[in-house]
Amino acid sequence: MPFYTFKCRTCGLEKEEIRGMNDFKEPLCPRCQYNTEAEGKYERMKKIFKPNAKPASKDGSWGFGK
């Protein structure tokens, strides 16, 4: 299951989650989900793509050369 990074449209909070490939629903922001000013799509987080995705090895070798 891949890691996805989500960012809130209102407060800018970033959160990483492990999600299934077929899980398309955007999560609710833990800060803004009860905010009355942020309604509809603004209380949901959007998926963003980061160049340095997880998982990563500490030395970069992934253990193949050992």
N, C-alpha and C. Protein backbone atom coordinates (compact mmCIF):
# COMPACT_ATOMS: atom_id res chain seq x y z
N MET A 1 0.85 -1.17 0.00
CA MET A 1 0.00 0.00 0.00
C MET A 1 0.90 1.24 0.00
N PRO A 2 0.63 2.19 -0.86
CA PRO A 2 1.49 3.36 -0.99
C PRO A 2 1.18 4.43 0.06
N PHE A 3 2.19 5.26 0.31
CA PHE A 3 2.03 6.44 1.15
C PHE A 3 1.50 7.57 0.29
N TYR A 4 0.56 8.33 0.84
CA TYR A 4 0.05 9.53 0.17
C TYR A 4 0.19 10.69 1.14
N THR A 5 0.49 11.87 0.62
CA THR A 5 0.58 13.07 1.43
C THR A 5 -0.61 13.95 1.08
N PHE A 6 -1.30 14.40 2.11
CA PHE A 6 -2.46 15.26 1.94
C PHE A 6 -2.19 16.59 2.61
N LYS A 7 -2.71 17.67 2.00
CA LYS A 7 -2.54 19.02 2.54
C LYS A 7 -3.91 19.69 2.62
N CYS A 8 -4.17 20.34 3.76
CA CYS A 8 -5.45 21.02 3.96
C CYS A 8 -5.52 22.27 3.08
N ARG A 9 -6.66 22.48 2.48
CA ARG A 9 -6.85 23.65 1.63
C ARG A 9 -6.99 24.94 2.45
N THR A 10 -7.39 24.81 3.72
CA THR A 10 -7.65 25.98 4.55
C THR A 10 -6.46 26.36 5.43
N CYS A 11 -5.98 25.41 6.25
CA CYS A 11 -4.93 25.75 7.23
C CYS A 11 -3.53 25.33 6.79
N GLY A 12 -3.40 24.49 5.75
CA GLY A 12 -2.09 24.09 5.25
C GLY A 12 -1.45 22.93 5.97
N LEU A 13 -2.18 22.24 6.85
CA LEU A 13 -1.65 21.09 7.57
C LEU A 13 -1.35 19.96 6.59
N GLU A 14 -0.17 19.35 6.72
CA GLU A 14 0.21 18.20 5.89
C GLU A 14 0.15 16.93 6.72
N LYS A 15 -0.35 15.86 6.10
CA LYS A 15 -0.52 14.59 6.80
C LYS A 15 -0.23 13.46 5.82
N GLU A 16 0.54 12.47 6.27
CA GLU A 16 0.85 11.32 5.43
C GLU A 16 0.03 10.12 5.90
N GLU A 17 -0.49 9.38 4.94
CA GLU A 17 -1.30 8.20 5.25
C GLU A 17 -0.96 7.08 4.29
N ILE A 18 -1.13 5.87 4.77
CA ILE A 18 -1.04 4.70 3.89
C ILE A 18 -2.45 4.43 3.40
N ARG A 19 -2.62 4.43 2.10
CA ARG A 19 -3.93 4.26 1.50
C ARG A 19 -3.88 3.18 0.43
N GLY A 20 -5.00 2.57 0.19
CA GLY A 20 -5.13 1.61 -0.90
C GLY A 20 -5.20 2.34 -2.23
N MET A 21 -4.90 1.63 -3.30
CA MET A 21 -4.91 2.24 -4.63
C MET A 21 -6.32 2.68 -5.04
N ASN A 22 -7.35 2.03 -4.53
CA ASN A 22 -8.72 2.35 -4.92
C ASN A 22 -9.43 3.24 -3.91
N ASP A 23 -8.72 3.77 -2.94
CA ASP A 23 -9.32 4.65 -1.94
C ASP A 23 -9.19 6.09 -2.43
N PHE A 24 -10.26 6.60 -3.05
CA PHE A 24 -10.21 7.91 -3.69
C PHE A 24 -10.73 9.03 -2.81
N LYS A 25 -11.34 8.71 -1.67
CA LYS A 25 -11.95 9.74 -0.84
C LYS A 25 -10.89 10.56 -0.12
N GLU A 26 -11.01 11.87 -0.19
CA GLU A 26 -10.07 12.76 0.47
C GLU A 26 -10.41 12.82 1.96
N PRO A 27 -9.41 12.74 2.84
CA PRO A 27 -9.69 12.75 4.28
C PRO A 27 -10.08 14.14 4.77
N LEU A 28 -10.77 14.17 5.90
CA LEU A 28 -11.10 15.43 6.55
C LEU A 28 -9.89 15.93 7.33
N CYS A 29 -9.70 17.23 7.34
CA CYS A 29 -8.62 17.83 8.11
C CYS A 29 -8.98 17.76 9.59
N PRO A 30 -8.07 17.27 10.44
CA PRO A 30 -8.39 17.19 11.87
C PRO A 30 -8.58 18.55 12.53
N ARG A 31 -7.98 19.60 11.96
CA ARG A 31 -8.16 20.94 12.52
C ARG A 31 -9.43 21.61 12.02
N CYS A 32 -9.74 21.46 10.74
CA CYS A 32 -10.81 22.24 10.10
C CYS A 32 -12.14 21.51 9.98
N GLN A 33 -12.22 20.26 10.37
CA GLN A 33 -13.46 19.52 10.15
C GLN A 33 -14.62 20.05 11.00
N TYR A 34 -14.32 20.73 12.10
CA TYR A 34 -15.37 21.31 12.93
C TYR A 34 -15.44 22.82 12.80
N ASN A 35 -14.67 23.39 11.89
CA ASN A 35 -14.69 24.83 11.65
C ASN A 35 -15.90 25.17 10.78
N THR A 36 -16.76 26.05 11.27
CA THR A 36 -17.98 26.38 10.52
C THR A 36 -17.68 27.22 9.28
N GLU A 37 -16.53 27.91 9.24
CA GLU A 37 -16.19 28.71 8.08
C GLU A 37 -15.65 27.86 6.94
N ALA A 38 -15.07 26.71 7.25
CA ALA A 38 -14.51 25.82 6.22
C ALA A 38 -15.53 24.71 5.96
N GLU A 39 -16.32 24.87 4.94
CA GLU A 39 -17.35 23.89 4.62
C GLU A 39 -17.12 23.33 3.23
N GLY A 40 -17.69 22.18 2.98
CA GLY A 40 -17.60 21.55 1.66
C GLY A 40 -16.20 21.06 1.38
N LYS A 41 -15.67 21.42 0.21
CA LYS A 41 -14.34 20.92 -0.17
C LYS A 41 -13.23 21.54 0.65
N TYR A 42 -13.48 22.66 1.32
CA TYR A 42 -12.43 23.32 2.09
C TYR A 42 -12.14 22.64 3.41
N GLU A 43 -13.00 21.72 3.88
CA GLU A 43 -12.70 20.96 5.09
C GLU A 43 -12.01 19.64 4.75
N ARG A 44 -11.90 19.33 3.46
CA ARG A 44 -11.21 18.12 3.02
C ARG A 44 -9.78 18.46 2.59
N MET A 45 -8.91 17.49 2.72
CA MET A 45 -7.50 17.68 2.35
C MET A 45 -7.31 17.23 0.91
N LYS A 46 -6.38 17.87 0.19
CA LYS A 46 -6.10 17.48 -1.19
C LYS A 46 -4.80 16.68 -1.23
N LYS A 47 -4.71 15.80 -2.20
CA LYS A 47 -3.52 14.97 -2.36
C LYS A 47 -2.43 15.79 -3.04
N ILE A 48 -1.23 15.78 -2.45
CA ILE A 48 -0.10 16.45 -3.07
C ILE A 48 0.99 15.42 -3.33
N PHE A 49 1.86 15.73 -4.25
CA PHE A 49 2.92 14.81 -4.63
C PHE A 49 4.25 15.41 -4.22
N LYS A 50 5.01 14.66 -3.43
CA LYS A 50 6.32 15.10 -2.98
C LYS A 50 7.39 14.33 -3.74
N PRO A 51 8.50 14.99 -4.08
CA PRO A 51 9.55 14.29 -4.83
C PRO A 51 10.26 13.22 -4.01
N ASN A 52 10.36 13.40 -2.71
CA ASN A 52 11.03 12.42 -1.85
C ASN A 52 9.99 11.58 -1.15
N ALA A 53 9.52 10.58 -1.84
CA ALA A 53 8.47 9.73 -1.27
C ALA A 53 9.07 8.63 -0.40
N LYS A 54 8.29 8.14 0.52
CA LYS A 54 8.72 7.04 1.39
C LYS A 54 8.53 5.74 0.64
N PRO A 55 9.05 4.67 1.01
CA PRO A 55 10.05 4.44 2.05
C PRO A 55 11.45 4.72 1.52
N ALA A 56 12.37 4.96 2.40
CA ALA A 56 13.75 5.25 2.03
C ALA A 56 14.68 4.45 2.92
N SER A 57 15.82 4.07 2.38
CA SER A 57 16.81 3.39 3.20
C SER A 57 17.74 4.42 3.80
N LYS A 58 18.40 4.07 4.88
CA LYS A 58 19.28 5.02 5.56
C LYS A 58 20.53 5.34 4.75
N ASP A 59 21.10 4.34 4.11
CA ASP A 59 22.34 4.57 3.37
C ASP A 59 22.13 4.61 1.85
N GLY A 60 20.91 4.43 1.39
CA GLY A 60 20.63 4.50 -0.03
C GLY A 60 20.90 3.22 -0.80
N SER A 61 21.33 2.15 -0.11
CA SER A 61 21.70 0.95 -0.84
C SER A 61 20.57 -0.06 -0.93
N TRP A 62 19.55 0.05 -0.07
CA TRP A 62 18.42 -0.87 0.00
C TRP A 62 18.87 -2.29 0.34
N GLY A 63 20.13 -2.47 0.72
CA GLY A 63 20.63 -3.77 1.13
C GLY A 63 20.97 -4.70 -0.02
N PHE A 64 21.06 -4.19 -1.24
CA PHE A 64 21.32 -5.05 -2.39
C PHE A 64 22.80 -5.41 -2.52
N GLY A 65 23.67 -4.53 -2.03
CA GLY A 65 25.11 -4.79 -2.20
C GLY A 65 25.72 -5.57 -1.04
N LYS A 66 24.90 -6.05 -0.12
CA LYS A 66 25.44 -6.71 1.06
C LYS A 66 25.37 -8.20 0.96
